[in-house]
Amino acid sequence: MANHAATKKDVRQSTKRRERNRYYGKTTRNAIRDLKVLDTKEGASEKLPAVASMIDKLAKRGIIHKNKAANLKRKLTKGVNTLAK
């Protein structure tokens, strides 16, 4: 580790950012998993906008790529639409 004050600060900042990003990513992955196990269209349709919003926020923050976010939302929407009523 470097001895410069600016480098030490950068290490502290990057550690905080990494932990925050890991938290957001893990929370979103858990929400996606919970959405996938729902078997009623009503429940899944209610939860889908919140999960899509979480995915969009990950893409906006640069945690995931915007195309990955689009693919995730497309697959989740398709899954919800194929559920029987």
PDB file of N, CA and C in Angstrom:
ATOM      1  N   MET A   1       0.833  -1.176   0.000  1.00  0.00           N
ATOM      2  CA  MET A   1       0.000   0.000   0.000  1.00  0.00           C
ATOM      3  C   MET A   1       0.877   1.238   0.000  1.00  0.00           C
ATOM      4  N   ALA A   2       0.468   2.227  -0.754  1.00  0.00           N
ATOM      5  CA  ALA A   2       1.257   3.448  -0.876  1.00  0.00           C
ATOM      6  C   ALA A   2       1.131   4.287   0.391  1.00  0.00           C
ATOM      7  N   ASN A   3       2.077   5.201   0.546  1.00  0.00           N
ATOM      8  CA  ASN A   3       2.105   6.028   1.742  1.00  0.00           C
ATOM      9  C   ASN A   3       1.520   7.412   1.522  1.00  0.00           C
ATOM     10  N   HIS A   4       1.126   7.741   0.307  1.00  0.00           N
ATOM     11  CA  HIS A   4       0.572   9.056   0.050  1.00  0.00           C
ATOM     12  C   HIS A   4      -0.837   9.161   0.627  1.00  0.00           C
ATOM     13  N   ALA A   5      -1.143  10.314   1.160  1.00  0.00           N
ATOM     14  CA  ALA A   5      -2.454  10.505   1.782  1.00  0.00           C
ATOM     15  C   ALA A   5      -3.576  10.347   0.766  1.00  0.00           C
ATOM     16  N   ALA A   6      -3.384  10.857  -0.444  1.00  0.00           N
ATOM     17  CA  ALA A   6      -4.426  10.747  -1.465  1.00  0.00           C
ATOM     18  C   ALA A   6      -4.663   9.292  -1.850  1.00  0.00           C
ATOM     19  N   THR A   7      -3.615   8.502  -1.884  1.00  0.00           N
ATOM     20  CA  THR A   7      -3.766   7.086  -2.228  1.00  0.00           C
ATOM     21  C   THR A   7      -4.486   6.337  -1.117  1.00  0.00           C
ATOM     22  N   LYS A   8      -4.174   6.666   0.123  1.00  0.00           N
ATOM     23  CA  LYS A   8      -4.865   6.029   1.244  1.00  0.00           C
ATOM     24  C   LYS A   8      -6.354   6.368   1.212  1.00  0.00           C
ATOM     25  N   LYS A   9      -6.659   7.622   0.898  1.00  0.00           N
ATOM     26  CA  LYS A   9      -8.056   8.036   0.808  1.00  0.00           C
ATOM     27  C   LYS A   9      -8.758   7.302  -0.328  1.00  0.00           C
ATOM     28  N   ASP A  10      -8.072   7.159  -1.451  1.00  0.00           N
ATOM     29  CA  ASP A  10      -8.666   6.460  -2.594  1.00  0.00           C
ATOM     30  C   ASP A  10      -8.953   5.002  -2.249  1.00  0.00           C
ATOM     31  N   VAL A  11      -8.068   4.377  -1.475  1.00  0.00           N
ATOM     32  CA  VAL A  11      -8.292   2.992  -1.062  1.00  0.00           C
ATOM     33  C   VAL A  11      -9.532   2.918  -0.171  1.00  0.00           C
ATOM     34  N   ARG A  12      -9.674   3.871   0.748  1.00  0.00           N
ATOM     35  CA  ARG A  12     -10.848   3.897   1.618  1.00  0.00           C
ATOM     36  C   ARG A  12     -12.123   4.094   0.801  1.00  0.00           C
ATOM     37  N   GLN A  13     -12.079   5.028  -0.143  1.00  0.00           N
ATOM     38  CA  GLN A  13     -13.263   5.299  -0.953  1.00  0.00           C
ATOM     39  C   GLN A  13     -13.641   4.099  -1.815  1.00  0.00           C
ATOM     40  N   SER A  14     -12.650   3.487  -2.435  1.00  0.00           N
ATOM     41  CA  SER A  14     -12.948   2.358  -3.315  1.00  0.00           C
ATOM     42  C   SER A  14     -13.480   1.167  -2.520  1.00  0.00           C
ATOM     43  N   THR A  15     -13.010   1.005  -1.288  1.00  0.00           N
ATOM     44  CA  THR A  15     -13.520  -0.070  -0.443  1.00  0.00           C
ATOM     45  C   THR A  15     -14.993   0.161  -0.117  1.00  0.00           C
ATOM     46  N   LYS A  16     -15.334   1.405   0.233  1.00  0.00           N
ATOM     47  CA  LYS A  16     -16.729   1.728   0.534  1.00  0.00           C
ATOM     48  C   LYS A  16     -17.609   1.532  -0.691  1.00  0.00           C
ATOM     49  N   ARG A  17     -17.113   1.979  -1.849  1.00  0.00           N
ATOM     50  CA  ARG A  17     -17.890   1.825  -3.088  1.00  0.00           C
ATOM     51  C   ARG A  17     -18.098   0.359  -3.424  1.00  0.00           C
ATOM     52  N   ARG A  18     -17.037  -0.443  -3.273  1.00  0.00           N
ATOM     53  CA  ARG A  18     -17.135  -1.867  -3.596  1.00  0.00           C
ATOM     54  C   ARG A  18     -18.163  -2.549  -2.698  1.00  0.00           C
ATOM     55  N   GLU A  19     -18.131  -2.247  -1.402  1.00  0.00           N
ATOM     56  CA  GLU A  19     -19.089  -2.846  -0.470  1.00  0.00           C
ATOM     57  C   GLU A  19     -20.520  -2.418  -0.797  1.00  0.00           C
ATOM     58  N   ARG A  20     -20.683  -1.152  -1.129  1.00  0.00           N
ATOM     59  CA  ARG A  20     -22.007  -0.642  -1.480  1.00  0.00           C
ATOM     60  C   ARG A  20     -22.508  -1.322  -2.746  1.00  0.00           C
ATOM     61  N   ASN A  21     -21.651  -1.444  -3.753  1.00  0.00           N
ATOM     62  CA  ASN A  21     -22.032  -2.084  -5.008  1.00  0.00           C
ATOM     63  C   ASN A  21     -22.361  -3.556  -4.795  1.00  0.00           C
ATOM     64  N   ARG A  22     -21.597  -4.215  -3.940  1.00  0.00           N
ATOM     65  CA  ARG A  22     -21.876  -5.619  -3.649  1.00  0.00           C
ATOM     66  C   ARG A  22     -23.241  -5.760  -2.980  1.00  0.00           C
ATOM     67  N   TYR A  23     -23.561  -4.833  -2.090  1.00  0.00           N
ATOM     68  CA  TYR A  23     -24.849  -4.868  -1.407  1.00  0.00           C
ATOM     69  C   TYR A  23     -25.988  -4.687  -2.402  1.00  0.00           C
ATOM     70  N   TYR A  24     -25.894  -3.663  -3.257  1.00  0.00           N
ATOM     71  CA  TYR A  24     -26.950  -3.417  -4.241  1.00  0.00           C
ATOM     72  C   TYR A  24     -27.090  -4.611  -5.184  1.00  0.00           C
ATOM     73  N   GLY A  25     -25.981  -5.158  -5.635  1.00  0.00           N
ATOM     74  CA  GLY A  25     -26.029  -6.289  -6.558  1.00  0.00           C
ATOM     75  C   GLY A  25     -26.649  -7.513  -5.926  1.00  0.00           C
ATOM     76  N   LYS A  26     -26.252  -7.816  -4.695  1.00  0.00           N
ATOM     77  CA  LYS A  26     -26.773  -8.998  -4.017  1.00  0.00           C
ATOM     78  C   LYS A  26     -28.257  -8.833  -3.711  1.00  0.00           C
ATOM     79  N   THR A  27     -28.660  -7.637  -3.285  1.00  0.00           N
ATOM     80  CA  THR A  27     -30.066  -7.387  -2.992  1.00  0.00           C
ATOM     81  C   THR A  27     -30.912  -7.561  -4.247  1.00  0.00           C
ATOM     82  N   THR A  28     -30.413  -7.071  -5.362  1.00  0.00           N
ATOM     83  CA  THR A  28     -31.153  -7.205  -6.617  1.00  0.00           C
ATOM     84  C   THR A  28     -31.213  -8.658  -7.059  1.00  0.00           C
ATOM     85  N   ARG A  29     -30.104  -9.383  -6.928  1.00  0.00           N
ATOM     86  CA  ARG A  29     -30.117 -10.804  -7.294  1.00  0.00           C
ATOM     87  C   ARG A  29     -31.123 -11.584  -6.446  1.00  0.00           C
ATOM     88  N   ASN A  30     -31.203 -11.254  -5.152  1.00  0.00           N
ATOM     89  CA  ASN A  30     -32.178 -11.920  -4.289  1.00  0.00           C
ATOM     90  C   ASN A  30     -33.602 -11.588  -4.715  1.00  0.00           C
ATOM     91  N   ALA A  31     -33.839 -10.336  -5.106  1.00  0.00           N
ATOM     92  CA  ALA A  31     -35.177  -9.944  -5.553  1.00  0.00           C
ATOM     93  C   ALA A  31     -35.540 -10.671  -6.847  1.00  0.00           C
ATOM     94  N   ILE A  32     -34.574 -10.831  -7.746  1.00  0.00           N
ATOM     95  CA  ILE A  32     -34.812 -11.561  -8.995  1.00  0.00           C
ATOM     96  C   ILE A  32     -35.141 -13.019  -8.691  1.00  0.00           C
ATOM     97  N   ARG A  33     -34.382 -13.608  -7.771  1.00  0.00           N
ATOM     98  CA  ARG A  33     -34.632 -14.999  -7.392  1.00  0.00           C
ATOM     99  C   ARG A  33     -36.026 -15.154  -6.799  1.00  0.00           C
ATOM    100  N   ASP A  34     -36.417 -14.223  -5.927  1.00  0.00           N
ATOM    101  CA  ASP A  34     -37.744 -14.291  -5.320  1.00  0.00           C
ATOM    102  C   ASP A  34     -38.848 -14.128  -6.357  1.00  0.00           C
ATOM    103  N   LEU A  35     -38.601 -13.282  -7.358  1.00  0.00           N
ATOM    104  CA  LEU A  35     -39.595 -13.097  -8.423  1.00  0.00           C
ATOM    105  C   LEU A  35     -39.737 -14.359  -9.266  1.00  0.00           C
ATOM    106  N   LYS A  36     -38.635 -15.037  -9.521  1.00  0.00           N
ATOM    107  CA  LYS A  36     -38.680 -16.234 -10.363  1.00  0.00           C
ATOM    108  C   LYS A  36     -39.449 -17.374  -9.710  1.00  0.00           C
ATOM    109  N   VAL A  37     -39.461 -17.447  -8.397  1.00  0.00           N
ATOM    110  CA  VAL A  37     -40.140 -18.577  -7.743  1.00  0.00           C
ATOM    111  C   VAL A  37     -41.639 -18.343  -7.569  1.00  0.00           C
ATOM    112  N   LEU A  38     -42.098 -17.112  -7.818  1.00  0.00           N
ATOM    113  CA  LEU A  38     -43.537 -16.860  -7.708  1.00  0.00           C
ATOM    114  C   LEU A  38     -44.277 -17.615  -8.809  1.00  0.00           C
ATOM    115  N   ASP A  39     -45.419 -18.190  -8.447  1.00  0.00           N
ATOM    116  CA  ASP A  39     -46.147 -19.000  -9.423  1.00  0.00           C
ATOM    117  C   ASP A  39     -47.501 -18.412  -9.801  1.00  0.00           C
ATOM    118  N   THR A  40     -47.855 -17.252  -9.254  1.00  0.00           N
ATOM    119  CA  THR A  40     -49.105 -16.605  -9.644  1.00  0.00           C
ATOM    120  C   THR A  40     -48.786 -15.347 -10.432  1.00  0.00           C
ATOM    121  N   LYS A  41     -49.564 -15.125 -11.454  1.00  0.00           N
ATOM    122  CA  LYS A  41     -49.323 -13.961 -12.302  1.00  0.00           C
ATOM    123  C   LYS A  41     -49.589 -12.658 -11.561  1.00  0.00           C
ATOM    124  N   GLU A  42     -50.572 -12.652 -10.668  1.00  0.00           N
ATOM    125  CA  GLU A  42     -50.898 -11.428  -9.937  1.00  0.00           C
ATOM    126  C   GLU A  42     -49.725 -10.987  -9.062  1.00  0.00           C
ATOM    127  N   GLY A  43     -49.194 -11.926  -8.298  1.00  0.00           N
ATOM    128  CA  GLY A  43     -48.086 -11.597  -7.401  1.00  0.00           C
ATOM    129  C   GLY A  43     -46.843 -11.184  -8.160  1.00  0.00           C
ATOM    130  N   ALA A  44     -46.552 -11.895  -9.239  1.00  0.00           N
ATOM    131  CA  ALA A  44     -45.360 -11.586 -10.026  1.00  0.00           C
ATOM    132  C   ALA A  44     -45.510 -10.243 -10.737  1.00  0.00           C
ATOM    133  N   SER A  45     -46.720  -9.949 -11.205  1.00  0.00           N
ATOM    134  CA  SER A  45     -46.944  -8.675 -11.886  1.00  0.00           C
ATOM    135  C   SER A  45     -46.788  -7.491 -10.937  1.00  0.00           C
ATOM    136  N   GLU A  46     -47.145  -7.690  -9.678  1.00  0.00           N
ATOM    137  CA  GLU A  46     -46.982  -6.618  -8.701  1.00  0.00           C
ATOM    138  C   GLU A  46     -45.514  -6.401  -8.351  1.00  0.00           C
ATOM    139  N   LYS A  47     -44.747  -7.463  -8.322  1.00  0.00           N
ATOM    140  CA  LYS A  47     -43.343  -7.369  -7.904  1.00  0.00           C
ATOM    141  C   LYS A  47     -42.415  -6.959  -9.049  1.00  0.00           C
ATOM    142  N   LEU A  48     -42.835  -7.198 -10.286  1.00  0.00           N
ATOM    143  CA  LEU A  48     -41.973  -6.941 -11.445  1.00  0.00           C
ATOM    144  C   LEU A  48     -41.508  -5.494 -11.561  1.00  0.00           C
ATOM    145  N   PRO A  49     -42.372  -4.477 -11.410  1.00  0.00           N
ATOM    146  CA  PRO A  49     -41.879  -3.090 -11.553  1.00  0.00           C
ATOM    147  C   PRO A  49     -40.797  -2.723 -10.544  1.00  0.00           C
ATOM    148  N   ALA A  50     -40.910  -3.227  -9.321  1.00  0.00           N
ATOM    149  CA  ALA A  50     -39.900  -2.924  -8.304  1.00  0.00           C
ATOM    150  C   ALA A  50     -38.569  -3.557  -8.666  1.00  0.00           C
ATOM    151  N   VAL A  51     -38.607  -4.801  -9.156  1.00  0.00           N
ATOM    152  CA  VAL A  51     -37.369  -5.485  -9.540  1.00  0.00           C
ATOM    153  C   VAL A  51     -36.752  -4.820 -10.765  1.00  0.00           C
ATOM    154  N   ALA A  52     -37.580  -4.431 -11.723  1.00  0.00           N
ATOM    155  CA  ALA A  52     -37.070  -3.749 -12.912  1.00  0.00           C
ATOM    156  C   ALA A  52     -36.418  -2.421 -12.535  1.00  0.00           C
ATOM    157  N   SER A  53     -36.990  -1.742 -11.568  1.00  0.00           N
ATOM    158  CA  SER A  53     -36.406  -0.485 -11.096  1.00  0.00           C
ATOM    159  C   SER A  53     -35.048  -0.726 -10.453  1.00  0.00           C
ATOM    160  N   MET A  54     -34.927  -1.789  -9.675  1.00  0.00           N
ATOM    161  CA  MET A  54     -33.644  -2.122  -9.053  1.00  0.00           C
ATOM    162  C   MET A  54     -32.589  -2.415 -10.117  1.00  0.00           C
ATOM    163  N   ILE A  55     -32.992  -3.133 -11.158  1.00  0.00           N
ATOM    164  CA  ILE A  55     -32.062  -3.471 -12.240  1.00  0.00           C
ATOM    165  C   ILE A  55     -31.626  -2.207 -12.966  1.00  0.00           C
ATOM    166  N   ASP A  56     -32.574  -1.300 -13.216  1.00  0.00           N
ATOM    167  CA  ASP A  56     -32.231  -0.036 -13.875  1.00  0.00           C
ATOM    168  C   ASP A  56     -31.252   0.779 -13.041  1.00  0.00           C
ATOM    169  N   LYS A  57     -31.428   0.779 -11.740  1.00  0.00           N
ATOM    170  CA  LYS A  57     -30.516   1.518 -10.864  1.00  0.00           C
ATOM    171  C   LYS A  57     -29.113   0.927 -10.902  1.00  0.00           C
ATOM    172  N   LEU A  58     -29.015  -0.395 -10.985  1.00  0.00           N
ATOM    173  CA  LEU A  58     -27.691  -1.023 -11.105  1.00  0.00           C
ATOM    174  C   LEU A  58     -27.003  -0.580 -12.385  1.00  0.00           C
ATOM    175  N   ALA A  59     -27.766  -0.526 -13.466  1.00  0.00           N
ATOM    176  CA  ALA A  59     -27.190  -0.107 -14.745  1.00  0.00           C
ATOM    177  C   ALA A  59     -26.799   1.368 -14.700  1.00  0.00           C
ATOM    178  N   LYS A  60     -27.614   2.181 -14.069  1.00  0.00           N
ATOM    179  CA  LYS A  60     -27.326   3.613 -13.982  1.00  0.00           C
ATOM    180  C   LYS A  60     -26.054   3.861 -13.179  1.00  0.00           C
ATOM    181  N   ARG A  61     -25.860   3.079 -12.131  1.00  0.00           N
ATOM    182  CA  ARG A  61     -24.675   3.242 -11.287  1.00  0.00           C
ATOM    183  C   ARG A  61     -23.430   2.602 -11.902  1.00  0.00           C
ATOM    184  N   GLY A  62     -23.605   1.840 -12.976  1.00  0.00           N
ATOM    185  CA  GLY A  62     -22.462   1.212 -13.622  1.00  0.00           C
ATOM    186  C   GLY A  62     -22.060  -0.107 -12.998  1.00  0.00           C
ATOM    187  N   ILE A  63     -22.917  -0.678 -12.170  1.00  0.00           N
ATOM    188  CA  ILE A  63     -22.609  -1.957 -11.534  1.00  0.00           C
ATOM    189  C   ILE A  63     -22.769  -3.086 -12.544  1.00  0.00           C
ATOM    190  N   ILE A  64     -23.797  -2.978 -13.393  1.00  0.00           N
ATOM    191  CA  ILE A  64     -23.953  -3.915 -14.500  1.00  0.00           C
ATOM    192  C   ILE A  64     -24.083  -3.101 -15.787  1.00  0.00           C
ATOM    193  N   HIS A  65     -23.851  -3.757 -16.892  1.00  0.00           N
ATOM    194  CA  HIS A  65     -23.937  -3.091 -18.199  1.00  0.00           C
ATOM    195  C   HIS A  65     -25.398  -2.869 -18.563  1.00  0.00           C
ATOM    196  N   LYS A  66     -25.672  -1.827 -19.324  1.00  0.00           N
ATOM    197  CA  LYS A  66     -27.060  -1.504 -19.679  1.00  0.00           C
ATOM    198  C   LYS A  66     -27.694  -2.604 -20.514  1.00  0.00           C
ATOM    199  N   ASN A  67     -26.911  -3.285 -21.343  1.00  0.00           N
ATOM    200  CA  ASN A  67     -27.471  -4.375 -22.139  1.00  0.00           C
ATOM    201  C   ASN A  67     -27.818  -5.573 -21.258  1.00  0.00           C
ATOM    202  N   LYS A  68     -27.005  -5.829 -20.242  1.00  0.00           N
ATOM    203  CA  LYS A  68     -27.323  -6.913 -19.306  1.00  0.00           C
ATOM    204  C   LYS A  68     -28.614  -6.590 -18.565  1.00  0.00           C
ATOM    205  N   ALA A  69     -28.779  -5.323 -18.199  1.00  0.00           N
ATOM    206  CA  ALA A  69     -30.005  -4.908 -17.521  1.00  0.00           C
ATOM    207  C   ALA A  69     -31.207  -5.127 -18.429  1.00  0.00           C
ATOM    208  N   ALA A  70     -31.068  -4.762 -19.688  1.00  0.00           N
ATOM    209  CA  ALA A  70     -32.168  -4.943 -20.632  1.00  0.00           C
ATOM    210  C   ALA A  70     -32.494  -6.420 -20.805  1.00  0.00           C
ATOM    211  N   ASN A  71     -31.477  -7.265 -20.899  1.00  0.00           N
ATOM    212  CA  ASN A  71     -31.709  -8.702 -21.056  1.00  0.00           C
ATOM    213  C   ASN A  71     -32.385  -9.292 -19.824  1.00  0.00           C
ATOM    214  N   LEU A  72     -31.954  -8.869 -18.632  1.00  0.00           N
ATOM    215  CA  LEU A  72     -32.570  -9.369 -17.409  1.00  0.00           C
ATOM    216  C   LEU A  72     -34.048  -8.982 -17.358  1.00  0.00           C
ATOM    217  N   LYS A  73     -34.341  -7.729 -17.651  1.00  0.00           N
ATOM    218  CA  LYS A  73     -35.733  -7.272 -17.605  1.00  0.00           C
ATOM    219  C   LYS A  73     -36.572  -7.985 -18.655  1.00  0.00           C
ATOM    220  N   ARG A  74     -36.007  -8.208 -19.843  1.00  0.00           N
ATOM    221  CA  ARG A  74     -36.748  -8.899 -20.899  1.00  0.00           C
ATOM    222  C   ARG A  74     -37.093 -10.319 -20.459  1.00  0.00           C
ATOM    223  N   LYS A  75     -36.117 -11.032 -19.900  1.00  0.00           N
ATOM    224  CA  LYS A  75     -36.362 -12.410 -19.481  1.00  0.00           C
ATOM    225  C   LYS A  75     -37.368 -12.477 -18.341  1.00  0.00           C
ATOM    226  N   LEU A  76     -37.271 -11.548 -17.389  1.00  0.00           N
ATOM    227  CA  LEU A  76     -38.214 -11.555 -16.278  1.00  0.00           C
ATOM    228  C   LEU A  76     -39.629 -11.235 -16.750  1.00  0.00           C
ATOM    229  N   THR A  77     -39.746 -10.257 -17.640  1.00  0.00           N
ATOM    230  CA  THR A  77     -41.059  -9.893 -18.160  1.00  0.00           C
ATOM    231  C   THR A  77     -41.674 -11.054 -18.939  1.00  0.00           C
ATOM    232  N   LYS A  78     -40.842 -11.701 -19.738  1.00  0.00           N
ATOM    233  CA  LYS A  78     -41.328 -12.859 -20.503  1.00  0.00           C
ATOM    234  C   LYS A  78     -41.788 -13.965 -19.561  1.00  0.00           C
ATOM    235  N   GLY A  79     -41.050 -14.199 -18.494  1.00  0.00           N
ATOM    236  CA  GLY A  79     -41.426 -15.220 -17.533  1.00  0.00           C
ATOM    237  C   GLY A  79     -42.728 -14.898 -16.841  1.00  0.00           C
ATOM    238  N   VAL A  80     -42.912 -13.631 -16.472  1.00  0.00           N
ATOM    239  CA  VAL A  80     -44.153 -13.228 -15.809  1.00  0.00           C
ATOM    240  C   VAL A  80     -45.329 -13.360 -16.762  1.00  0.00           C
ATOM    241  N   ASN A  81     -45.122 -12.977 -18.026  1.00  0.00           N
ATOM    242  CA  ASN A  81     -46.221 -13.039 -18.992  1.00  0.00           C
ATOM    243  C   ASN A  81     -46.632 -14.459 -19.329  1.00  0.00           C
ATOM    244  N   THR A  82     -45.735 -15.426 -19.174  1.00  0.00           N
ATOM    245  CA  THR A  82     -46.086 -16.805 -19.490  1.00  0.00           C
ATOM    246  C   THR A  82     -46.758 -17.525 -18.347  1.00  0.00           C
ATOM    247  N   LEU A  83     -46.823 -16.891 -17.163  1.00  0.00           N
ATOM    248  CA  LEU A  83     -47.487 -17.545 -16.032  1.00  0.00           C
ATOM    249  C   LEU A  83     -48.982 -17.657 -16.307  1.00  0.00           C
ATOM    250  N   ALA A  84     -49.557 -18.764 -15.860  1.00  0.00           N
ATOM    251  CA  ALA A  84     -51.001 -18.948 -15.993  1.00  0.00           C
ATOM    252  C   ALA A  84     -51.713 -18.116 -14.953  1.00  0.00           C
ATOM    253  N   LYS A  85     -52.890 -17.659 -15.310  1.00  0.00           N
ATOM    254  CA  LYS A  85     -53.652 -16.805 -14.378  1.00  0.00           C
ATOM    255  C   LYS A  85     -54.232 -17.570 -13.230  1.00  0.00           C
TER     256      LYS A  85
END
